[in-house]
């Protein structure tokens, strides 16, 4: 277990771990979230990685890429800020916030100056808990994903990864790429994203890894 926790920090938070020798501290919040903390006071910033059990293995059958599209939507806009205001706010406060998916997890990444940590946490919470599900933005992000998949199909490695996943895992939930394919992305609806969010976004099973200039 100790090796696994160390691996999480080394892999996810390595930019802030240079010269850091502090042991990992652990806590479990009353809502079930598992918190891992490593103090690294050599840099004036804090990096956070939030891992939610909402990866591509939870995609609806035949709709690979649902979790990835959901991650794009959640970090694109909120109920309070449309996509332009959201991007401007993040930029003005020098907050880096993004999300991606693996087969098993949706991973939020946030980096903020330590003096602006409360604001960074507010931004992370707003993105997580106040999705807007703007239909026009969904169409744009879906088209962007399809365009990206179309371009990627020009590379042999991308095509090989699609066939390899299918051969290795067959009908199992691991049998498709986290980002989906041209065919699967086109089948996804905004309602699919809402259903996945409602089912998987819960505190239980979530891990929050924090490192940087924080106690």
C-alpha atoms as a PDB file:
ATOM      1  CA  UNK A   1       0.000   0.000   0.000  1.00  0.00           C
ATOM      2  CA  UNK A   2       2.791   2.425   0.893  1.00  0.00           C
ATOM      3  CA  UNK A   3       4.491   1.724  -2.442  1.00  0.00           C
ATOM      4  CA  UNK A   4       1.196   2.327  -4.261  1.00  0.00           C
ATOM      5  CA  UNK A   5       0.646   5.683  -2.555  1.00  0.00           C
ATOM      6  CA  UNK A   6       4.171   6.717  -3.359  1.00  0.00           C
ATOM      7  CA  UNK A   7       3.597   5.775  -6.979  1.00  0.00           C
ATOM      8  CA  UNK A   8       0.499   7.992  -7.127  1.00  0.00           C
ATOM      9  CA  UNK A   9       2.482  11.028  -6.021  1.00  0.00           C
ATOM     10  CA  UNK A  10       5.486  10.278  -8.192  1.00  0.00           C
ATOM     11  CA  UNK A  11       3.341   9.780 -11.294  1.00  0.00           C
ATOM     12  CA  UNK A  12       0.685  12.438 -10.776  1.00  0.00           C
ATOM     13  CA  UNK A  13       2.412  15.182  -8.846  1.00  0.00           C
ATOM     14  CA  UNK A  14       6.039  14.871  -9.911  1.00  0.00           C
ATOM     15  CA  UNK A  15       6.414  18.551 -10.974  1.00  0.00           C
ATOM     16  CA  UNK A  16       6.131  19.600  -7.329  1.00  0.00           C
ATOM     17  CA  UNK A  17       8.112  16.794  -5.749  1.00  0.00           C
ATOM     18  CA  UNK A  18      11.608  17.868  -6.647  1.00  0.00           C
ATOM     19  CA  UNK A  19      13.657  17.781  -3.441  1.00  0.00           C
ATOM     20  CA  UNK A  20      10.523  16.875  -1.431  1.00  0.00           C
ATOM     21  CA  UNK A  21      11.279  14.358   1.299  1.00  0.00           C
ATOM     22  CA  UNK A  22       8.146  14.633   3.423  1.00  0.00           C
ATOM     23  CA  UNK A  23       6.185  11.476   4.118  1.00  0.00           C
ATOM     24  CA  UNK A  24       2.705  11.025   2.729  1.00  0.00           C
ATOM     25  CA  UNK A  25      -0.041  11.946   5.172  1.00  0.00           C
ATOM     26  CA  UNK A  26      -3.441  10.277   4.904  1.00  0.00           C
ATOM     27  CA  UNK A  27      -6.947  11.104   6.053  1.00  0.00           C
ATOM     28  CA  UNK A  28     -10.471  10.006   5.263  1.00  0.00           C
ATOM     29  CA  UNK A  29     -13.207  12.608   5.277  1.00  0.00           C
ATOM     30  CA  UNK A  30     -16.635  11.943   6.742  1.00  0.00           C
ATOM     31  CA  UNK A  31     -18.130  11.785   3.237  1.00  0.00           C
ATOM     32  CA  UNK A  32     -15.767   8.964   2.229  1.00  0.00           C
ATOM     33  CA  UNK A  33     -13.132  10.867   0.253  1.00  0.00           C
ATOM     34  CA  UNK A  34      -9.605   9.534   0.796  1.00  0.00           C
ATOM     35  CA  UNK A  35      -7.075  12.373   1.066  1.00  0.00           C
ATOM     36  CA  UNK A  36      -3.322  12.002   0.487  1.00  0.00           C
ATOM     37  CA  UNK A  37      -1.052  14.929   1.317  1.00  0.00           C
ATOM     38  CA  UNK A  38       2.633  15.526   0.722  1.00  0.00           C
ATOM     39  CA  UNK A  39       4.122  18.824   1.856  1.00  0.00           C
ATOM     40  CA  UNK A  40       6.656  20.335  -0.559  1.00  0.00           C
ATOM     41  CA  UNK A  41       7.476  23.869   0.501  1.00  0.00           C
ATOM     42  CA  UNK A  42      10.231  24.390  -2.057  1.00  0.00           C
ATOM     43  CA  UNK A  43       7.722  25.852  -4.531  1.00  0.00           C
ATOM     44  CA  UNK A  44       4.961  28.442  -3.872  1.00  0.00           C
ATOM     45  CA  UNK A  45       2.142  26.426  -5.392  1.00  0.00           C
ATOM     46  CA  UNK A  46      -0.196  23.525  -4.760  1.00  0.00           C
ATOM     47  CA  UNK A  47      -1.063  20.701  -7.153  1.00  0.00           C
ATOM     48  CA  UNK A  48      -4.156  18.568  -6.712  1.00  0.00           C
ATOM     49  CA  UNK A  49      -5.289  15.418  -8.452  1.00  0.00           C
ATOM     50  CA  UNK A  50      -8.833  14.205  -7.865  1.00  0.00           C
ATOM     51  CA  UNK A  51      -9.496  10.631  -8.994  1.00  0.00           C
ATOM     52  CA  UNK A  52     -13.136   9.637  -9.386  1.00  0.00           C
ATOM     53  CA  UNK A  53     -14.336   6.122 -10.297  1.00  0.00           C
ATOM     54  CA  UNK A  54     -15.850   7.342 -13.555  1.00  0.00           C
ATOM     55  CA  UNK A  55     -13.526   6.101 -16.279  1.00  0.00           C
ATOM     56  CA  UNK A  56     -14.286   4.716 -19.715  1.00  0.00           C
ATOM     57  CA  UNK A  57     -15.277   1.287 -18.383  1.00  0.00           C
ATOM     58  CA  UNK A  58     -18.503   2.961 -17.281  1.00  0.00           C
ATOM     59  CA  UNK A  59     -19.299   4.180 -20.804  1.00  0.00           C
ATOM     60  CA  UNK A  60     -22.666   2.972 -22.136  1.00  0.00           C
ATOM     61  CA  UNK A  61     -22.333  -0.014 -24.458  1.00  0.00           C
ATOM     62  CA  UNK A  62     -21.436   1.091 -27.974  1.00  0.00           C
ATOM     63  CA  UNK A  63     -20.795   4.667 -26.832  1.00  0.00           C
ATOM     64  CA  UNK A  64     -17.108   4.670 -26.012  1.00  0.00           C
ATOM     65  CA  UNK A  65     -15.849   8.155 -25.223  1.00  0.00           C
ATOM     66  CA  UNK A  66     -18.807   9.156 -23.031  1.00  0.00           C
ATOM     67  CA  UNK A  67     -16.688   9.680 -19.915  1.00  0.00           C
ATOM     68  CA  UNK A  68     -14.091  11.597 -21.942  1.00  0.00           C
ATOM     69  CA  UNK A  69     -16.758  13.893 -23.379  1.00  0.00           C
ATOM     70  CA  UNK A  70     -18.195  14.373 -19.904  1.00  0.00           C
ATOM     71  CA  UNK A  71     -14.767  15.448 -18.649  1.00  0.00           C
ATOM     72  CA  UNK A  72     -14.558  17.986 -21.481  1.00  0.00           C
ATOM     73  CA  UNK A  73     -17.997  19.374 -20.660  1.00  0.00           C
ATOM     74  CA  UNK A  74     -17.352  19.670 -16.925  1.00  0.00           C
ATOM     75  CA  UNK A  75     -14.168  21.685 -17.436  1.00  0.00           C
ATOM     76  CA  UNK A  76     -15.595  23.813 -20.261  1.00  0.00           C
ATOM     77  CA  UNK A  77     -18.330  25.734 -18.434  1.00  0.00           C
ATOM     78  CA  UNK A  78     -20.548  25.719 -15.334  1.00  0.00           C
ATOM     79  CA  UNK A  79     -23.982  26.929 -14.240  1.00  0.00           C
ATOM     80  CA  UNK A  80     -22.375  30.154 -13.051  1.00  0.00           C
ATOM     81  CA  UNK A  81     -19.871  30.775 -15.865  1.00  0.00           C
ATOM     82  CA  UNK A  82     -20.335  30.138 -19.582  1.00  0.00           C
ATOM     83  CA  UNK A  83     -17.325  28.798 -21.469  1.00  0.00           C
ATOM     84  CA  UNK A  84     -15.884  32.237 -22.284  1.00  0.00           C
ATOM     85  CA  UNK A  85     -16.281  33.607 -18.757  1.00  0.00           C
ATOM     86  CA  UNK A  86     -14.942  30.358 -17.282  1.00  0.00           C
ATOM     87  CA  UNK A  87     -11.803  30.401 -19.423  1.00  0.00           C
ATOM     88  CA  UNK A  88     -11.243  34.091 -18.688  1.00  0.00           C
ATOM     89  CA  UNK A  89     -11.620  33.547 -14.934  1.00  0.00           C
ATOM     90  CA  UNK A  90      -9.161  30.665 -14.849  1.00  0.00           C
ATOM     91  CA  UNK A  91      -6.683  32.650 -16.921  1.00  0.00           C
ATOM     92  CA  UNK A  92      -6.977  35.810 -14.810  1.00  0.00           C
ATOM     93  CA  UNK A  93      -6.266  33.880 -11.610  1.00  0.00           C
ATOM     94  CA  UNK A  94      -3.480  31.740 -13.146  1.00  0.00           C
ATOM     95  CA  UNK A  95      -5.319  28.548 -12.217  1.00  0.00           C
ATOM     96  CA  UNK A  96      -4.674  25.438 -14.301  1.00  0.00           C
ATOM     97  CA  UNK A  97      -7.646  23.067 -14.320  1.00  0.00           C
ATOM     98  CA  UNK A  98      -8.231  20.124 -16.617  1.00  0.00           C
ATOM     99  CA  UNK A  99      -9.611  16.623 -16.685  1.00  0.00           C
ATOM    100  CA  UNK A 100      -8.995  13.397 -18.542  1.00  0.00           C
ATOM    101  CA  UNK A 101     -10.026   9.773 -18.294  1.00  0.00           C
ATOM    102  CA  UNK A 102      -8.388   6.385 -18.061  1.00  0.00           C
ATOM    103  CA  UNK A 103     -10.267   3.110 -18.189  1.00  0.00           C
ATOM    104  CA  UNK A 104     -10.912   3.218 -14.443  1.00  0.00           C
ATOM    105  CA  UNK A 105     -10.952   6.876 -13.436  1.00  0.00           C
ATOM    106  CA  UNK A 106     -11.789  10.424 -14.361  1.00  0.00           C
ATOM    107  CA  UNK A 107      -8.861  12.532 -13.219  1.00  0.00           C
ATOM    108  CA  UNK A 108      -9.126  16.217 -12.388  1.00  0.00           C
ATOM    109  CA  UNK A 109      -5.823  18.127 -12.306  1.00  0.00           C
ATOM    110  CA  UNK A 110      -5.528  21.534 -10.656  1.00  0.00           C
ATOM    111  CA  UNK A 111      -2.463  23.684 -10.029  1.00  0.00           C
ATOM    112  CA  UNK A 112      -2.691  27.005  -8.205  1.00  0.00           C
ATOM    113  CA  UNK A 113      -0.407  29.420  -6.394  1.00  0.00           C
ATOM    114  CA  UNK A 114      -0.507  28.603  -2.692  1.00  0.00           C
ATOM    115  CA  UNK A 115      -1.746  32.105  -1.843  1.00  0.00           C
ATOM    116  CA  UNK A 116      -4.762  31.528  -4.100  1.00  0.00           C
ATOM    117  CA  UNK A 117      -5.564  28.014  -2.858  1.00  0.00           C
ATOM    118  CA  UNK A 118      -9.051  28.863  -1.474  1.00  0.00           C
ATOM    119  CA  UNK A 119     -10.012  30.318  -4.860  1.00  0.00           C
ATOM    120  CA  UNK A 120      -8.599  27.288  -6.661  1.00  0.00           C
ATOM    121  CA  UNK A 121     -10.671  24.987  -4.465  1.00  0.00           C
ATOM    122  CA  UNK A 122     -13.767  27.050  -5.217  1.00  0.00           C
ATOM    123  CA  UNK A 123     -13.104  26.682  -8.941  1.00  0.00           C
ATOM    124  CA  UNK A 124     -12.588  22.939  -8.631  1.00  0.00           C
ATOM    125  CA  UNK A 125     -15.807  22.582  -6.625  1.00  0.00           C
ATOM    126  CA  UNK A 126     -17.770  24.674  -9.120  1.00  0.00           C
ATOM    127  CA  UNK A 127     -16.569  22.558 -12.014  1.00  0.00           C
ATOM    128  CA  UNK A 128     -17.359  19.318 -10.185  1.00  0.00           C
ATOM    129  CA  UNK A 129     -20.681  20.176  -8.601  1.00  0.00           C
ATOM    130  CA  UNK A 130     -22.353  22.730 -10.855  1.00  0.00           C
ATOM    131  CA  UNK A 131     -22.390  21.374 -14.417  1.00  0.00           C
ATOM    132  CA  UNK A 132     -24.482  23.358 -16.886  1.00  0.00           C
ATOM    133  CA  UNK A 133     -24.844  20.810 -19.730  1.00  0.00           C
ATOM    134  CA  UNK A 134     -25.086  23.496 -22.406  1.00  0.00           C
ATOM    135  CA  UNK A 135     -26.448  21.748 -25.511  1.00  0.00           C
ATOM    136  CA  UNK A 136     -24.628  24.013 -27.971  1.00  0.00           C
ATOM    137  CA  UNK A 137     -21.299  23.466 -26.235  1.00  0.00           C
ATOM    138  CA  UNK A 138     -21.931  19.719 -26.232  1.00  0.00           C
ATOM    139  CA  UNK A 139     -22.327  19.701 -30.014  1.00  0.00           C
ATOM    140  CA  UNK A 140     -19.118  21.691 -30.440  1.00  0.00           C
ATOM    141  CA  UNK A 141     -17.105  19.479 -28.073  1.00  0.00           C
ATOM    142  CA  UNK A 142     -18.507  16.326 -29.663  1.00  0.00           C
ATOM    143  CA  UNK A 143     -17.543  17.589 -33.121  1.00  0.00           C
ATOM    144  CA  UNK A 144     -14.081  18.455 -31.824  1.00  0.00           C
ATOM    145  CA  UNK A 145     -13.703  14.918 -30.448  1.00  0.00           C
ATOM    146  CA  UNK A 146     -14.830  13.398 -33.736  1.00  0.00           C
ATOM    147  CA  UNK A 147     -12.437  15.641 -35.666  1.00  0.00           C
ATOM    148  CA  UNK A 148      -9.624  14.560 -33.360  1.00  0.00           C
ATOM    149  CA  UNK A 149     -10.481  10.890 -33.879  1.00  0.00           C
ATOM    150  CA  UNK A 150     -10.631  11.424 -37.643  1.00  0.00           C
ATOM    151  CA  UNK A 151      -7.155  12.948 -37.629  1.00  0.00           C
ATOM    152  CA  UNK A 152      -5.838  10.217 -35.337  1.00  0.00           C
ATOM    153  CA  UNK A 153      -7.065   7.531 -37.737  1.00  0.00           C
ATOM    154  CA  UNK A 154      -4.284   8.642 -40.070  1.00  0.00           C
ATOM    155  CA  UNK A 155      -1.743   7.103 -37.678  1.00  0.00           C
ATOM    156  CA  UNK A 156      -1.136   3.376 -37.538  1.00  0.00           C
ATOM    157  CA  UNK A 157      -0.593   3.458 -33.775  1.00  0.00           C
ATOM    158  CA  UNK A 158      -4.074   4.823 -33.140  1.00  0.00           C
ATOM    159  CA  UNK A 159      -5.714   2.213 -35.353  1.00  0.00           C
ATOM    160  CA  UNK A 160      -3.639  -0.514 -33.738  1.00  0.00           C
ATOM    161  CA  UNK A 161      -4.752   0.575 -30.258  1.00  0.00           C
ATOM    162  CA  UNK A 162      -8.405   0.214 -31.285  1.00  0.00           C
ATOM    163  CA  UNK A 163      -7.895  -3.309 -32.648  1.00  0.00           C
ATOM    164  CA  UNK A 164      -5.653  -4.339 -29.754  1.00  0.00           C
ATOM    165  CA  UNK A 165      -8.221  -3.342 -27.132  1.00  0.00           C
ATOM    166  CA  UNK A 166     -10.938  -5.234 -28.968  1.00  0.00           C
ATOM    167  CA  UNK A 167      -8.786  -8.350 -29.340  1.00  0.00           C
ATOM    168  CA  UNK A 168      -7.543  -8.363 -25.746  1.00  0.00           C
ATOM    169  CA  UNK A 169     -10.806  -7.532 -23.988  1.00  0.00           C
ATOM    170  CA  UNK A 170     -13.576  -8.346 -26.454  1.00  0.00           C
ATOM    171  CA  UNK A 171     -16.973  -7.344 -25.069  1.00  0.00           C
ATOM    172  CA  UNK A 172     -15.511  -6.391 -21.686  1.00  0.00           C
ATOM    173  CA  UNK A 173     -15.743  -2.747 -20.627  1.00  0.00           C
ATOM    174  CA  UNK A 174     -12.007  -2.419 -21.329  1.00  0.00           C
ATOM    175  CA  UNK A 175     -12.606  -3.354 -24.956  1.00  0.00           C
ATOM    176  CA  UNK A 176     -12.671   0.214 -26.263  1.00  0.00           C
ATOM    177  CA  UNK A 177     -10.318   3.160 -26.090  1.00  0.00           C
ATOM    178  CA  UNK A 178     -11.110   5.749 -23.377  1.00  0.00           C
ATOM    179  CA  UNK A 179     -11.434   8.432 -26.040  1.00  0.00           C
ATOM    180  CA  UNK A 180     -13.843   6.409 -28.156  1.00  0.00           C
ATOM    181  CA  UNK A 181     -13.926   6.019 -31.922  1.00  0.00           C
ATOM    182  CA  UNK A 182     -15.511   7.863 -34.820  1.00  0.00           C
ATOM    183  CA  UNK A 183     -18.540   5.594 -34.675  1.00  0.00           C
ATOM    184  CA  UNK A 184     -19.015   5.560 -30.912  1.00  0.00           C
ATOM    185  CA  UNK A 185     -18.505   9.301 -30.442  1.00  0.00           C
ATOM    186  CA  UNK A 186     -21.220  10.069 -32.986  1.00  0.00           C
ATOM    187  CA  UNK A 187     -23.746   7.990 -31.004  1.00  0.00           C
ATOM    188  CA  UNK A 188     -23.271   9.810 -27.691  1.00  0.00           C
ATOM    189  CA  UNK A 189     -26.043  12.131 -26.535  1.00  0.00           C
ATOM    190  CA  UNK A 190     -26.028  14.860 -23.911  1.00  0.00           C
ATOM    191  CA  UNK A 191     -28.380  12.688 -21.842  1.00  0.00           C
ATOM    192  CA  UNK A 192     -25.702   9.957 -21.762  1.00  0.00           C
ATOM    193  CA  UNK A 193     -23.337  12.406 -20.068  1.00  0.00           C
ATOM    194  CA  UNK A 194     -25.979  13.433 -17.536  1.00  0.00           C
ATOM    195  CA  UNK A 195     -26.758   9.820 -16.655  1.00  0.00           C
ATOM    196  CA  UNK A 196     -23.088   8.933 -16.208  1.00  0.00           C
ATOM    197  CA  UNK A 197     -22.558  11.979 -14.022  1.00  0.00           C
ATOM    198  CA  UNK A 198     -25.568  11.176 -11.836  1.00  0.00           C
ATOM    199  CA  UNK A 199     -24.436   7.574 -11.399  1.00  0.00           C
ATOM    200  CA  UNK A 200     -20.710   7.996 -10.813  1.00  0.00           C
ATOM    201  CA  UNK A 201     -20.095  11.402  -9.224  1.00  0.00           C
ATOM    202  CA  UNK A 202     -20.206  10.492  -5.544  1.00  0.00           C
ATOM    203  CA  UNK A 203     -17.686  11.049  -2.723  1.00  0.00           C
ATOM    204  CA  UNK A 204     -17.331   7.335  -1.958  1.00  0.00           C
ATOM    205  CA  UNK A 205     -14.344   5.865  -3.780  1.00  0.00           C
ATOM    206  CA  UNK A 206     -12.789   9.244  -4.564  1.00  0.00           C
ATOM    207  CA  UNK A 207      -9.122   9.974  -3.858  1.00  0.00           C
ATOM    208  CA  UNK A 208      -7.754  13.510  -3.548  1.00  0.00           C
ATOM    209  CA  UNK A 209      -3.959  13.731  -3.818  1.00  0.00           C
ATOM    210  CA  UNK A 210      -2.424  17.059  -2.799  1.00  0.00           C
ATOM    211  CA  UNK A 211       1.169  18.232  -2.907  1.00  0.00           C
ATOM    212  CA  UNK A 212       2.938  21.551  -2.582  1.00  0.00           C
ATOM    213  CA  UNK A 213       3.216  24.540  -0.287  1.00  0.00           C
ATOM    214  CA  UNK A 214       0.457  23.464   2.086  1.00  0.00           C
ATOM    215  CA  UNK A 215       0.233  21.899   5.550  1.00  0.00           C
END
